[in-house]
Every structure is written in structure tokens, then in C-alpha cells.
Amino acid sequence: MAGESTILDTAFDNVAGVNFQPYQVAVVDATNSGTIVTAATTPGGALAQPLGVVYDKAKLDASNNPVANSGANIRLLGIARVVANGAITPGAFVSVSGTNGRVQAQTQAGAGVQPKPVLGIALNQAGAAGDRIVVLLTPGVQY
């Protein structure tokens, strides 16, 4: 099969009523997750620990406001399309660039510097902010 393939997409609760967009990076919503609810939200800032990539648009009510407690499918493993926040070369590790859920190229931490969490490895090139690229997801990796 040519093109994108998935290994694992999982539904997460959108408790906070985030206006999720396709190809946006999501993080665990620690505030709203508990023993029964597993929630996701948008990153609070650059270099947040990524959960995966949203593949749904947020469900909206009649006033075009995100519906709190609705669900969102998030790709946790495999290959995912994401939105770049700037130029990225193929083979670069990518991390969360900010609260917009886009990705940026991540440079390797130097000696004695805490490694940064990454989403995965860019498989193709982004020339500018807004370009969509394909990333091999590598959950839990730091670089």
C-alpha cells in the first residue's frame, strides 16, 4: 500500500473544548485526565512532551464553538502528516514549536544539557511555515 499508513489511532476526550485542527500536535491534558477520562489538549508551549497528531477537526456547536467533552482521534504511532512552523530538512528530529501545535526542527542537546522531547523524524522537506510534512512518530524519544 502506497502513502500514509497507521499503526495506532486512539480516541481522546476533548474535555477542555479545544478547537483541534487536523495535523496538529496534541499533548496529554493532565488537568482533565483521571481514572476514567483520558483527555488531550493543545501544547502549552514549545518543547512540550507530544502525545501524537490530531486527525479530526473539533466538533463545533451551532455558534461554531468547540464542544467540550467531545472526542478527537489522535495518531500515537506510525506515520503522521503534521504542519511545520518553518523550514525542516528530511531526517531532522521535530519537536513541538509552540501553542499552535506545529513542529520545528530540533537540534541535538549538547553535553550536560537536558535533551528535549521530540515528536518524531521528518521524512520529507518543509520549505516554510504552514507546509505539511510526513513524520515517523517516535513516542517518548528525547534528543
C-alpha atoms as a PDB file:
ATOM      1  CA  MET A   1       0.000   0.000   0.000  1.00  0.00           C
ATOM      2  CA  ALA A   2       1.453   3.359  -1.019  1.00  0.00           C
ATOM      3  CA  GLY A   3       1.053   6.536   1.023  1.00  0.00           C
ATOM      4  CA  GLU A   4       0.318   7.064   4.690  1.00  0.00           C
ATOM      5  CA  SER A   5      -0.348   4.112   6.919  1.00  0.00           C
ATOM      6  CA  THR A   6      -1.392   3.904  10.527  1.00  0.00           C
ATOM      7  CA  ILE A   7      -0.466   1.611  13.342  1.00  0.00           C
ATOM      8  CA  LEU A   8      -2.458   3.170  16.137  1.00  0.00           C
ATOM      9  CA  ASP A   9      -5.075   5.924  16.301  1.00  0.00           C
ATOM     10  CA  THR A  10      -6.859   6.360  19.620  1.00  0.00           C
ATOM     11  CA  ALA A  11      -9.830   8.487  20.655  1.00  0.00           C
ATOM     12  CA  PHE A  12      -9.187  11.005  23.443  1.00  0.00           C
ATOM     13  CA  ASP A  13     -11.709  13.222  25.209  1.00  0.00           C
ATOM     14  CA  ASN A  14     -11.657  16.927  24.388  1.00  0.00           C
ATOM     15  CA  VAL A  15     -12.717  17.957  27.900  1.00  0.00           C
ATOM     16  CA  ALA A  16     -11.317  21.488  27.608  1.00  0.00           C
ATOM     17  CA  GLY A  17     -13.216  22.174  24.370  1.00  0.00           C
ATOM     18  CA  VAL A  18     -10.088  22.796  22.290  1.00  0.00           C
ATOM     19  CA  ASN A  19     -10.569  23.817  18.648  1.00  0.00           C
ATOM     20  CA  PHE A  20      -8.493  20.901  17.302  1.00  0.00           C
ATOM     21  CA  GLN A  21      -7.494  21.008  13.639  1.00  0.00           C
ATOM     22  CA  PRO A  22      -6.166  18.131  11.521  1.00  0.00           C
ATOM     23  CA  TYR A  23      -2.388  17.579  11.602  1.00  0.00           C
ATOM     24  CA  GLN A  24      -1.988  19.481  14.888  1.00  0.00           C
ATOM     25  CA  VAL A  25       0.203  18.047  17.659  1.00  0.00           C
ATOM     26  CA  ALA A  26      -1.645  17.221  20.880  1.00  0.00           C
ATOM     27  CA  VAL A  27      -0.451  16.656  24.441  1.00  0.00           C
ATOM     28  CA  VAL A  28      -1.942  14.826  27.427  1.00  0.00           C
ATOM     29  CA  ASP A  29      -4.446  17.015  29.286  1.00  0.00           C
ATOM     30  CA  ALA A  30      -3.163  16.316  32.807  1.00  0.00           C
ATOM     31  CA  THR A  31      -5.701  18.698  34.343  1.00  0.00           C
ATOM     32  CA  ASN A  32      -8.745  16.904  32.932  1.00  0.00           C
ATOM     33  CA  SER A  33      -7.498  13.297  32.802  1.00  0.00           C
ATOM     34  CA  GLY A  34      -8.337  10.971  35.665  1.00  0.00           C
ATOM     35  CA  THR A  35      -9.177   7.383  36.491  1.00  0.00           C
ATOM     36  CA  ILE A  36     -11.974   7.252  33.918  1.00  0.00           C
ATOM     37  CA  VAL A  37     -11.254  10.113  31.481  1.00  0.00           C
ATOM     38  CA  THR A  38      -8.226  10.257  29.176  1.00  0.00           C
ATOM     39  CA  ALA A  39      -8.083  13.758  27.732  1.00  0.00           C
ATOM     40  CA  ALA A  40      -5.898  15.591  25.216  1.00  0.00           C
ATOM     41  CA  THR A  41      -5.324  19.274  24.611  1.00  0.00           C
ATOM     42  CA  THR A  42      -3.072  21.635  22.639  1.00  0.00           C
ATOM     43  CA  PRO A  43       0.524  22.229  23.765  1.00  0.00           C
ATOM     44  CA  GLY A  44       1.093  24.844  26.450  1.00  0.00           C
ATOM     45  CA  GLY A  45       4.286  25.984  24.752  1.00  0.00           C
ATOM     46  CA  ALA A  46       7.320  24.995  22.742  1.00  0.00           C
ATOM     47  CA  LEU A  47       9.079  21.715  23.566  1.00  0.00           C
ATOM     48  CA  ALA A  48       6.047  20.220  25.324  1.00  0.00           C
ATOM     49  CA  GLN A  49       6.002  16.411  25.588  1.00  0.00           C
ATOM     50  CA  PRO A  50       3.971  15.421  22.499  1.00  0.00           C
ATOM     51  CA  LEU A  51       1.265  12.765  22.663  1.00  0.00           C
ATOM     52  CA  GLY A  52       0.518  12.416  18.959  1.00  0.00           C
ATOM     53  CA  VAL A  53      -1.163  14.062  15.982  1.00  0.00           C
ATOM     54  CA  VAL A  54      -4.831  15.018  15.749  1.00  0.00           C
ATOM     55  CA  TYR A  55      -6.653  13.634  12.724  1.00  0.00           C
ATOM     56  CA  ASP A  56     -10.086  15.198  13.417  1.00  0.00           C
ATOM     57  CA  LYS A  57     -11.497  18.689  13.384  1.00  0.00           C
ATOM     58  CA  ALA A  58     -13.057  19.691  16.675  1.00  0.00           C
ATOM     59  CA  LYS A  59     -16.792  19.163  16.856  1.00  0.00           C
ATOM     60  CA  LEU A  60     -18.473  22.583  16.830  1.00  0.00           C
ATOM     61  CA  ASP A  61     -21.859  23.680  18.173  1.00  0.00           C
ATOM     62  CA  ALA A  62     -24.337  25.898  16.292  1.00  0.00           C
ATOM     63  CA  SER A  63     -22.325  29.001  17.304  1.00  0.00           C
ATOM     64  CA  ASN A  64     -19.063  27.480  15.967  1.00  0.00           C
ATOM     65  CA  ASN A  65     -17.640  26.951  19.451  1.00  0.00           C
ATOM     66  CA  PRO A  66     -15.774  23.708  20.210  1.00  0.00           C
ATOM     67  CA  VAL A  67     -17.936  21.200  22.062  1.00  0.00           C
ATOM     68  CA  ALA A  68     -16.384  20.312  25.410  1.00  0.00           C
ATOM     69  CA  ASN A  69     -16.182  16.581  26.208  1.00  0.00           C
ATOM     70  CA  SER A  70     -16.339  15.577  22.550  1.00  0.00           C
ATOM     71  CA  GLY A  71     -13.746  13.162  21.176  1.00  0.00           C
ATOM     72  CA  ALA A  72     -10.713  13.514  18.921  1.00  0.00           C
ATOM     73  CA  ASN A  73      -8.792  10.769  17.121  1.00  0.00           C
ATOM     74  CA  ILE A  74      -5.072  11.080  17.751  1.00  0.00           C
ATOM     75  CA  ARG A  75      -2.381   9.092  15.938  1.00  0.00           C
ATOM     76  CA  LEU A  76       0.055   7.800  18.551  1.00  0.00           C
ATOM     77  CA  LEU A  77       2.263   5.505  16.472  1.00  0.00           C
ATOM     78  CA  GLY A  78       3.154   5.111  12.826  1.00  0.00           C
ATOM     79  CA  ILE A  79       3.454   7.841  10.237  1.00  0.00           C
ATOM     80  CA  ALA A  80       1.567  11.130  10.509  1.00  0.00           C
ATOM     81  CA  ARG A  81       1.173  14.287   8.499  1.00  0.00           C
ATOM     82  CA  VAL A  82       1.927  17.472  10.503  1.00  0.00           C
ATOM     83  CA  VAL A  83       2.199  21.222   9.892  1.00  0.00           C
ATOM     84  CA  ALA A  84       5.675  22.766  10.005  1.00  0.00           C
ATOM     85  CA  ASN A  85       6.381  26.071  11.723  1.00  0.00           C
ATOM     86  CA  GLY A  86       9.363  26.732   9.454  1.00  0.00           C
ATOM     87  CA  ALA A  87      11.890  25.046   7.205  1.00  0.00           C
ATOM     88  CA  ILE A  88      12.672  21.415   8.081  1.00  0.00           C
ATOM     89  CA  THR A  89      15.063  19.052   6.307  1.00  0.00           C
ATOM     90  CA  PRO A  90      14.330  15.355   5.794  1.00  0.00           C
ATOM     91  CA  GLY A  91      15.822  13.242   8.589  1.00  0.00           C
ATOM     92  CA  ALA A  92      15.602  16.009  11.197  1.00  0.00           C
ATOM     93  CA  PHE A  93      14.058  15.305  14.575  1.00  0.00           C
ATOM     94  CA  VAL A  94      10.997  17.525  15.088  1.00  0.00           C
ATOM     95  CA  SER A  95       9.519  18.887  18.306  1.00  0.00           C
ATOM     96  CA  VAL A  96       6.511  20.999  19.286  1.00  0.00           C
ATOM     97  CA  SER A  97       7.145  24.609  18.222  1.00  0.00           C
ATOM     98  CA  GLY A  98       4.562  26.345  20.403  1.00  0.00           C
ATOM     99  CA  THR A  99       0.926  26.504  21.383  1.00  0.00           C
ATOM    100  CA  ASN A 100      -0.244  26.259  17.740  1.00  0.00           C
ATOM    101  CA  GLY A 101       0.577  22.525  17.586  1.00  0.00           C
ATOM    102  CA  ARG A 102       3.030  22.894  14.706  1.00  0.00           C
ATOM    103  CA  VAL A 103       6.501  21.330  14.610  1.00  0.00           C
ATOM    104  CA  GLN A 104      10.032  22.665  14.310  1.00  0.00           C
ATOM    105  CA  ALA A 105      13.402  21.091  13.627  1.00  0.00           C
ATOM    106  CA  GLN A 106      15.087  20.113  16.897  1.00  0.00           C
ATOM    107  CA  THR A 107      18.851  20.318  17.302  1.00  0.00           C
ATOM    108  CA  GLN A 108      20.636  17.788  19.470  1.00  0.00           C
ATOM    109  CA  ALA A 109      21.205  18.811  23.086  1.00  0.00           C
ATOM    110  CA  GLY A 110      24.847  19.496  23.877  1.00  0.00           C
ATOM    111  CA  ALA A 111      26.892  17.817  26.583  1.00  0.00           C
ATOM    112  CA  GLY A 112      25.405  18.431  30.019  1.00  0.00           C
ATOM    113  CA  VAL A 113      22.161  19.862  28.571  1.00  0.00           C
ATOM    114  CA  GLN A 114      18.801  18.201  29.214  1.00  0.00           C
ATOM    115  CA  PRO A 115      17.534  16.546  25.975  1.00  0.00           C
ATOM    116  CA  LYS A 116      14.275  17.896  24.544  1.00  0.00           C
ATOM    117  CA  PRO A 117      11.157  15.787  23.806  1.00  0.00           C
ATOM    118  CA  VAL A 118      10.557  15.129  20.115  1.00  0.00           C
ATOM    119  CA  LEU A 119       7.528  14.019  18.112  1.00  0.00           C
ATOM    120  CA  GLY A 120       9.493  12.088  15.515  1.00  0.00           C
ATOM    121  CA  ILE A 121      11.665  12.171  12.408  1.00  0.00           C
ATOM    122  CA  ALA A 122      10.796  14.247   9.343  1.00  0.00           C
ATOM    123  CA  LEU A 123      10.546  12.076   6.241  1.00  0.00           C
ATOM    124  CA  ASN A 124      10.270  14.913   3.745  1.00  0.00           C
ATOM    125  CA  GLN A 125      11.070  18.624   3.487  1.00  0.00           C
ATOM    126  CA  ALA A 126       9.203  21.714   4.660  1.00  0.00           C
ATOM    127  CA  GLY A 127      10.273  24.903   2.889  1.00  0.00           C
ATOM    128  CA  ALA A 128       8.309  27.339   5.058  1.00  0.00           C
ATOM    129  CA  ALA A 129       5.816  27.705   7.889  1.00  0.00           C
ATOM    130  CA  GLY A 130       2.485  26.093   7.039  1.00  0.00           C
ATOM    131  CA  ASP A 131       3.938  23.346   4.852  1.00  0.00           C
ATOM    132  CA  ARG A 132       2.688  19.846   5.630  1.00  0.00           C
ATOM    133  CA  ILE A 133       5.261  17.129   6.074  1.00  0.00           C
ATOM    134  CA  VAL A 134       5.229  13.435   6.947  1.00  0.00           C
ATOM    135  CA  VAL A 135       6.794  12.369  10.251  1.00  0.00           C
ATOM    136  CA  LEU A 136       7.703   8.936  11.624  1.00  0.00           C
ATOM    137  CA  LEU A 137       6.309   9.128  15.166  1.00  0.00           C
ATOM    138  CA  THR A 138       8.766   8.158  17.903  1.00  0.00           C
ATOM    139  CA  PRO A 139       6.883   8.456  21.218  1.00  0.00           C
ATOM    140  CA  GLY A 140       8.921   9.101  24.330  1.00  0.00           C
ATOM    141  CA  VAL A 141      12.133   9.950  22.481  1.00  0.00           C
ATOM    142  CA  GLN A 142      14.266  12.872  23.629  1.00  0.00           C
ATOM    143  CA  TYR A 143      17.036  14.477  21.579  1.00  0.00           C
END
